[in-house]
Amino acid sequence: MAELTVDRTYGTALFEAAGDLGKKDEILEETTGLLELLKNEPDFKAFISHPSISNRDKKEVISKVFEGKVSEELLNFMYVLVDKGRTLHLEGILKMYGKLVMEEAGFTDGTVYSVVPLDDARIQELEGEVSKLLRKKVKLTNELDPKLIGGIKILAEGKLLDLSIRKRFDDLEGQIKLQAGR
């Protein structure tokens, strides 16, 4: 729970600073790229999060990797996270920033779980259907769930839409038991 507080506090600070500077979209693009880097480069994530590596060394690496490639504001924000010992939360903070930008634009985020990756057209189709159900614009992220036999599950606004084959089997089993009990 403390992680959520740290993520929200720093994510909100970045959101407000970006708003004051009129750079929300630019920083959103940069944070999206940074999230992709953290996902694809676990060694970098481990390096900046490791407590025994000095702040000076972390800042030096951040400078070499990002200087001239991201805005001065995001670069300085990363330095603040290093100074405050919050680099372990970098991923959550960046996600919170994206969520705040989306909320301001009238979107809510959600996750569609599937066995195999869904193509962009299918995700957009699902976003439209879920948006109608929730009466709110929804932006879905696809995550793989190898536990699913098939089908999908969608989680948005704290609601779960379970369209998985396992759910259908469970429903069928319940109907059979109900009818057998008559």
C-alpha atoms as a PDB file:
ATOM      1  CA  MET A   1       0.000   0.000   0.000  1.00  0.00           C
ATOM      2  CA  ALA A   2       2.894   2.342   0.723  1.00  0.00           C
ATOM      3  CA  GLU A   3       4.077   1.777  -2.855  1.00  0.00           C
ATOM      4  CA  LEU A   4       0.797   3.159  -4.173  1.00  0.00           C
ATOM      5  CA  THR A   5       1.189   6.255  -2.014  1.00  0.00           C
ATOM      6  CA  VAL A   6       4.740   6.849  -3.275  1.00  0.00           C
ATOM      7  CA  ASP A   7       3.665   6.201  -6.880  1.00  0.00           C
ATOM      8  CA  ARG A   8       0.703   8.578  -6.577  1.00  0.00           C
ATOM      9  CA  THR A   9       2.670  11.304  -4.760  1.00  0.00           C
ATOM     10  CA  TYR A  10       5.537  11.434  -7.246  1.00  0.00           C
ATOM     11  CA  GLY A  11       3.343  10.691 -10.278  1.00  0.00           C
ATOM     12  CA  THR A  12       1.099  13.604  -9.293  1.00  0.00           C
ATOM     13  CA  ALA A  13       4.098  15.886  -8.759  1.00  0.00           C
ATOM     14  CA  LEU A  14       5.375  15.078 -12.265  1.00  0.00           C
ATOM     15  CA  PHE A  15       1.867  15.543 -13.702  1.00  0.00           C
ATOM     16  CA  GLU A  16       1.456  18.960 -12.067  1.00  0.00           C
ATOM     17  CA  ALA A  17       4.934  20.117 -13.090  1.00  0.00           C
ATOM     18  CA  ALA A  18       4.347  18.984 -16.680  1.00  0.00           C
ATOM     19  CA  GLY A  19       1.022  20.820 -16.673  1.00  0.00           C
ATOM     20  CA  ASP A  20       2.602  24.015 -15.360  1.00  0.00           C
ATOM     21  CA  LEU A  21       5.170  23.823 -18.167  1.00  0.00           C
ATOM     22  CA  GLY A  22       2.637  22.862 -20.848  1.00  0.00           C
ATOM     23  CA  LYS A  23       4.563  19.646 -21.552  1.00  0.00           C
ATOM     24  CA  LYS A  24       2.132  16.886 -20.519  1.00  0.00           C
ATOM     25  CA  ASP A  25       2.079  15.238 -23.941  1.00  0.00           C
ATOM     26  CA  GLU A  26       5.839  15.480 -24.460  1.00  0.00           C
ATOM     27  CA  ILE A  27       6.558  13.985 -21.049  1.00  0.00           C
ATOM     28  CA  LEU A  28       3.887  11.309 -21.579  1.00  0.00           C
ATOM     29  CA  GLU A  29       5.688  10.216 -24.737  1.00  0.00           C
ATOM     30  CA  GLU A  30       9.007  10.167 -22.884  1.00  0.00           C
ATOM     31  CA  THR A  31       7.616   8.241 -19.897  1.00  0.00           C
ATOM     32  CA  THR A  32       6.088   5.687 -22.257  1.00  0.00           C
ATOM     33  CA  GLY A  33       9.505   5.175 -23.848  1.00  0.00           C
ATOM     34  CA  LEU A  34      11.136   4.942 -20.431  1.00  0.00           C
ATOM     35  CA  LEU A  35       8.604   2.309 -19.323  1.00  0.00           C
ATOM     36  CA  GLU A  36       9.434   0.314 -22.445  1.00  0.00           C
ATOM     37  CA  LEU A  37      13.138   0.568 -21.601  1.00  0.00           C
ATOM     38  CA  LEU A  38      12.529  -0.653 -18.042  1.00  0.00           C
ATOM     39  CA  LYS A  39      10.540  -3.587 -19.410  1.00  0.00           C
ATOM     40  CA  ASN A  40      13.133  -4.559 -22.025  1.00  0.00           C
ATOM     41  CA  GLU A  41      16.269  -3.857 -19.975  1.00  0.00           C
ATOM     42  CA  PRO A  42      15.914  -5.502 -16.555  1.00  0.00           C
ATOM     43  CA  ASP A  43      19.620  -4.903 -15.854  1.00  0.00           C
ATOM     44  CA  PHE A  44      19.111  -1.138 -16.111  1.00  0.00           C
ATOM     45  CA  LYS A  45      16.087  -1.332 -13.818  1.00  0.00           C
ATOM     46  CA  ALA A  46      18.058  -3.435 -11.312  1.00  0.00           C
ATOM     47  CA  PHE A  47      21.000  -1.019 -11.466  1.00  0.00           C
ATOM     48  CA  ILE A  48      19.044   2.156 -10.709  1.00  0.00           C
ATOM     49  CA  SER A  49      17.004   0.375  -8.012  1.00  0.00           C
ATOM     50  CA  HIS A  50      19.900  -1.277  -6.198  1.00  0.00           C
ATOM     51  CA  PRO A  51      20.395   0.325  -2.768  1.00  0.00           C
ATOM     52  CA  SER A  52      24.155  -0.278  -2.563  1.00  0.00           C
ATOM     53  CA  ILE A  53      24.954   1.644  -5.767  1.00  0.00           C
ATOM     54  CA  SER A  54      25.803   5.247  -4.993  1.00  0.00           C
ATOM     55  CA  ASN A  55      23.522   8.080  -6.061  1.00  0.00           C
ATOM     56  CA  ARG A  56      26.457   9.625  -7.921  1.00  0.00           C
ATOM     57  CA  ASP A  57      26.912   6.461 -10.017  1.00  0.00           C
ATOM     58  CA  LYS A  58      23.182   6.216 -10.713  1.00  0.00           C
ATOM     59  CA  LYS A  59      22.999   9.858 -11.812  1.00  0.00           C
ATOM     60  CA  GLU A  60      26.052   9.416 -14.013  1.00  0.00           C
ATOM     61  CA  VAL A  61      24.471   6.472 -15.830  1.00  0.00           C
ATOM     62  CA  ILE A  62      21.106   8.245 -16.116  1.00  0.00           C
ATOM     63  CA  SER A  63      22.898  11.257 -17.571  1.00  0.00           C
ATOM     64  CA  LYS A  64      24.801   9.158 -20.127  1.00  0.00           C
ATOM     65  CA  VAL A  65      21.691   7.249 -21.189  1.00  0.00           C
ATOM     66  CA  PHE A  66      19.103  10.062 -21.243  1.00  0.00           C
ATOM     67  CA  GLU A  67      20.783  13.454 -21.610  1.00  0.00           C
ATOM     68  CA  GLY A  68      19.703  14.996 -24.888  1.00  0.00           C
ATOM     69  CA  LYS A  69      17.123  12.222 -25.429  1.00  0.00           C
ATOM     70  CA  VAL A  70      14.497  13.315 -22.899  1.00  0.00           C
ATOM     71  CA  SER A  71      13.370  16.703 -21.667  1.00  0.00           C
ATOM     72  CA  GLU A  72      15.415  18.454 -19.022  1.00  0.00           C
ATOM     73  CA  GLU A  73      12.375  18.237 -16.735  1.00  0.00           C
ATOM     74  CA  LEU A  74      12.144  14.443 -16.893  1.00  0.00           C
ATOM     75  CA  LEU A  75      15.899  14.110 -16.504  1.00  0.00           C
ATOM     76  CA  ASN A  76      15.835  16.315 -13.389  1.00  0.00           C
ATOM     77  CA  PHE A  77      12.845  14.378 -12.072  1.00  0.00           C
ATOM     78  CA  MET A  78      14.844  11.148 -12.327  1.00  0.00           C
ATOM     79  CA  TYR A  79      17.689  12.829 -10.421  1.00  0.00           C
ATOM     80  CA  VAL A  80      15.222  13.786  -7.663  1.00  0.00           C
ATOM     81  CA  LEU A  81      14.059  10.168  -7.469  1.00  0.00           C
ATOM     82  CA  VAL A  82      17.679   9.086  -7.065  1.00  0.00           C
ATOM     83  CA  ASP A  83      18.295  11.686  -4.330  1.00  0.00           C
ATOM     84  CA  LYS A  84      15.126  10.683  -2.474  1.00  0.00           C
ATOM     85  CA  GLY A  85      15.835   6.954  -2.788  1.00  0.00           C
ATOM     86  CA  ARG A  86      12.692   6.371  -4.842  1.00  0.00           C
ATOM     87  CA  THR A  87      14.128   4.764  -7.980  1.00  0.00           C
ATOM     88  CA  LEU A  88      12.649   1.424  -6.921  1.00  0.00           C
ATOM     89  CA  HIS A  89       9.272   3.068  -7.579  1.00  0.00           C
ATOM     90  CA  LEU A  90      10.184   4.555 -10.976  1.00  0.00           C
ATOM     91  CA  GLU A  91       7.987   2.178 -12.971  1.00  0.00           C
ATOM     92  CA  GLY A  92       4.939   2.721 -10.757  1.00  0.00           C
ATOM     93  CA  ILE A  93       5.461   6.482 -10.757  1.00  0.00           C
ATOM     94  CA  LEU A  94       5.640   6.584 -14.566  1.00  0.00           C
ATOM     95  CA  LYS A  95       2.501   4.449 -14.853  1.00  0.00           C
ATOM     96  CA  MET A  96       0.690   6.757 -12.416  1.00  0.00           C
ATOM     97  CA  TYR A  97       1.695   9.762 -14.532  1.00  0.00           C
ATOM     98  CA  GLY A  98       0.223   8.094 -17.621  1.00  0.00           C
ATOM     99  CA  LYS A  99      -2.944   7.234 -15.718  1.00  0.00           C
ATOM    100  CA  LEU A 100      -3.378  10.855 -14.582  1.00  0.00           C
ATOM    101  CA  VAL A 101      -2.931  12.149 -18.145  1.00  0.00           C
ATOM    102  CA  MET A 102      -5.507   9.643 -19.383  1.00  0.00           C
ATOM    103  CA  GLU A 103      -7.978  10.511 -16.621  1.00  0.00           C
ATOM    104  CA  GLU A 104      -7.691  14.196 -17.444  1.00  0.00           C
ATOM    105  CA  ALA A 105      -8.473  13.380 -21.083  1.00  0.00           C
ATOM    106  CA  GLY A 106     -11.597  11.467 -19.962  1.00  0.00           C
ATOM    107  CA  PHE A 107     -10.141   7.980 -20.301  1.00  0.00           C
ATOM    108  CA  THR A 108      -9.857   5.168 -17.834  1.00  0.00           C
ATOM    109  CA  ASP A 109      -7.402   2.358 -18.217  1.00  0.00           C
ATOM    110  CA  GLY A 110      -7.971  -1.348 -18.136  1.00  0.00           C
ATOM    111  CA  THR A 111      -6.276  -4.624 -18.861  1.00  0.00           C
ATOM    112  CA  VAL A 112      -7.298  -7.351 -21.255  1.00  0.00           C
ATOM    113  CA  TYR A 113      -5.798 -10.720 -20.341  1.00  0.00           C
ATOM    114  CA  SER A 114      -5.318 -13.305 -23.065  1.00  0.00           C
ATOM    115  CA  VAL A 115      -3.322 -16.459 -23.777  1.00  0.00           C
ATOM    116  CA  VAL A 116      -1.718 -14.974 -26.892  1.00  0.00           C
ATOM    117  CA  PRO A 117      -0.990 -11.330 -27.743  1.00  0.00           C
ATOM    118  CA  LEU A 118      -3.956  -9.507 -29.280  1.00  0.00           C
ATOM    119  CA  ASP A 119      -3.460  -7.343 -32.349  1.00  0.00           C
ATOM    120  CA  ASP A 120      -4.188  -3.619 -32.232  1.00  0.00           C
ATOM    121  CA  ALA A 121      -7.433  -3.967 -34.194  1.00  0.00           C
ATOM    122  CA  ARG A 122      -8.836  -6.480 -31.677  1.00  0.00           C
ATOM    123  CA  ILE A 123      -7.776  -4.320 -28.731  1.00  0.00           C
ATOM    124  CA  GLN A 124      -9.474  -1.280 -30.295  1.00  0.00           C
ATOM    125  CA  GLU A 125     -12.630  -3.331 -30.883  1.00  0.00           C
ATOM    126  CA  LEU A 126     -12.639  -4.430 -27.231  1.00  0.00           C
ATOM    127  CA  GLU A 127     -11.998  -0.840 -26.088  1.00  0.00           C
ATOM    128  CA  GLY A 128     -15.113   0.251 -27.973  1.00  0.00           C
ATOM    129  CA  GLU A 129     -17.253  -2.500 -26.462  1.00  0.00           C
ATOM    130  CA  VAL A 130     -16.017  -1.918 -22.901  1.00  0.00           C
ATOM    131  CA  SER A 131     -16.403   1.854 -23.328  1.00  0.00           C
ATOM    132  CA  LYS A 132     -20.070   1.338 -24.180  1.00  0.00           C
ATOM    133  CA  LEU A 133     -20.576  -0.907 -21.151  1.00  0.00           C
ATOM    134  CA  LEU A 134     -18.889   1.499 -18.724  1.00  0.00           C
ATOM    135  CA  ARG A 135     -20.119   4.677 -20.473  1.00  0.00           C
ATOM    136  CA  LYS A 136     -16.551   5.939 -20.298  1.00  0.00           C
ATOM    137  CA  LYS A 137     -13.654   5.936 -22.748  1.00  0.00           C
ATOM    138  CA  VAL A 138     -11.413   2.963 -21.965  1.00  0.00           C
ATOM    139  CA  LYS A 139      -7.793   2.374 -23.004  1.00  0.00           C
ATOM    140  CA  LEU A 140      -6.829  -1.291 -22.693  1.00  0.00           C
ATOM    141  CA  THR A 141      -3.405  -2.825 -22.224  1.00  0.00           C
ATOM    142  CA  ASN A 142      -2.919  -6.437 -23.272  1.00  0.00           C
ATOM    143  CA  GLU A 143      -1.246  -8.773 -20.761  1.00  0.00           C
ATOM    144  CA  LEU A 144      -0.645 -12.463 -21.253  1.00  0.00           C
ATOM    145  CA  ASP A 145      -2.136 -14.920 -18.791  1.00  0.00           C
ATOM    146  CA  PRO A 146      -0.964 -18.477 -19.432  1.00  0.00           C
ATOM    147  CA  LYS A 147      -3.523 -19.786 -16.906  1.00  0.00           C
ATOM    148  CA  LEU A 148      -6.348 -19.005 -19.314  1.00  0.00           C
ATOM    149  CA  ILE A 149      -7.388 -21.946 -21.446  1.00  0.00           C
ATOM    150  CA  GLY A 150      -8.731 -19.565 -24.053  1.00  0.00           C
ATOM    151  CA  GLY A 151     -10.888 -16.479 -24.340  1.00  0.00           C
ATOM    152  CA  ILE A 152     -10.155 -13.245 -22.514  1.00  0.00           C
ATOM    153  CA  LYS A 153     -10.676 -11.430 -19.234  1.00  0.00           C
ATOM    154  CA  ILE A 154     -11.021  -7.661 -19.056  1.00  0.00           C
ATOM    155  CA  LEU A 155     -10.452  -5.649 -15.880  1.00  0.00           C
ATOM    156  CA  ALA A 156     -11.473  -1.977 -15.965  1.00  0.00           C
ATOM    157  CA  GLU A 157     -12.819   0.409 -13.332  1.00  0.00           C
ATOM    158  CA  GLY A 158     -12.617  -2.362 -10.742  1.00  0.00           C
ATOM    159  CA  LYS A 159     -14.984  -4.543 -12.777  1.00  0.00           C
ATOM    160  CA  LEU A 160     -14.082  -7.910 -14.269  1.00  0.00           C
ATOM    161  CA  LEU A 161     -15.582  -9.105 -17.521  1.00  0.00           C
ATOM    162  CA  ASP A 162     -14.712 -12.795 -17.730  1.00  0.00           C
ATOM    163  CA  LEU A 163     -15.096 -14.195 -21.242  1.00  0.00           C
ATOM    164  CA  SER A 164     -12.694 -17.063 -20.682  1.00  0.00           C
ATOM    165  CA  ILE A 165     -13.325 -20.688 -21.562  1.00  0.00           C
ATOM    166  CA  ARG A 166     -12.647 -21.650 -17.934  1.00  0.00           C
ATOM    167  CA  LYS A 167     -15.513 -19.354 -16.852  1.00  0.00           C
ATOM    168  CA  ARG A 168     -17.805 -21.022 -19.389  1.00  0.00           C
ATOM    169  CA  PHE A 169     -16.832 -24.457 -18.024  1.00  0.00           C
ATOM    170  CA  ASP A 170     -17.466 -23.290 -14.466  1.00  0.00           C
ATOM    171  CA  ASP A 171     -20.874 -21.887 -15.470  1.00  0.00           C
ATOM    172  CA  LEU A 172     -21.773 -25.107 -17.278  1.00  0.00           C
ATOM    173  CA  GLU A 173     -20.703 -27.184 -14.274  1.00  0.00           C
ATOM    174  CA  GLY A 174     -22.911 -25.045 -12.025  1.00  0.00           C
ATOM    175  CA  GLN A 175     -25.904 -25.521 -14.336  1.00  0.00           C
ATOM    176  CA  ILE A 176     -25.379 -29.286 -14.448  1.00  0.00           C
ATOM    177  CA  LYS A 177     -25.183 -29.500 -10.653  1.00  0.00           C
ATOM    178  CA  LEU A 178     -28.283 -27.324 -10.314  1.00  0.00           C
ATOM    179  CA  GLN A 179     -30.271 -29.528 -12.698  1.00  0.00           C
ATOM    180  CA  ALA A 180     -28.968 -32.747 -11.110  1.00  0.00           C
ATOM    181  CA  GLY A 181     -30.151 -31.517  -7.714  1.00  0.00           C
ATOM    182  CA  ARG A 182     -33.772 -31.163  -8.879  1.00  0.00           C
END
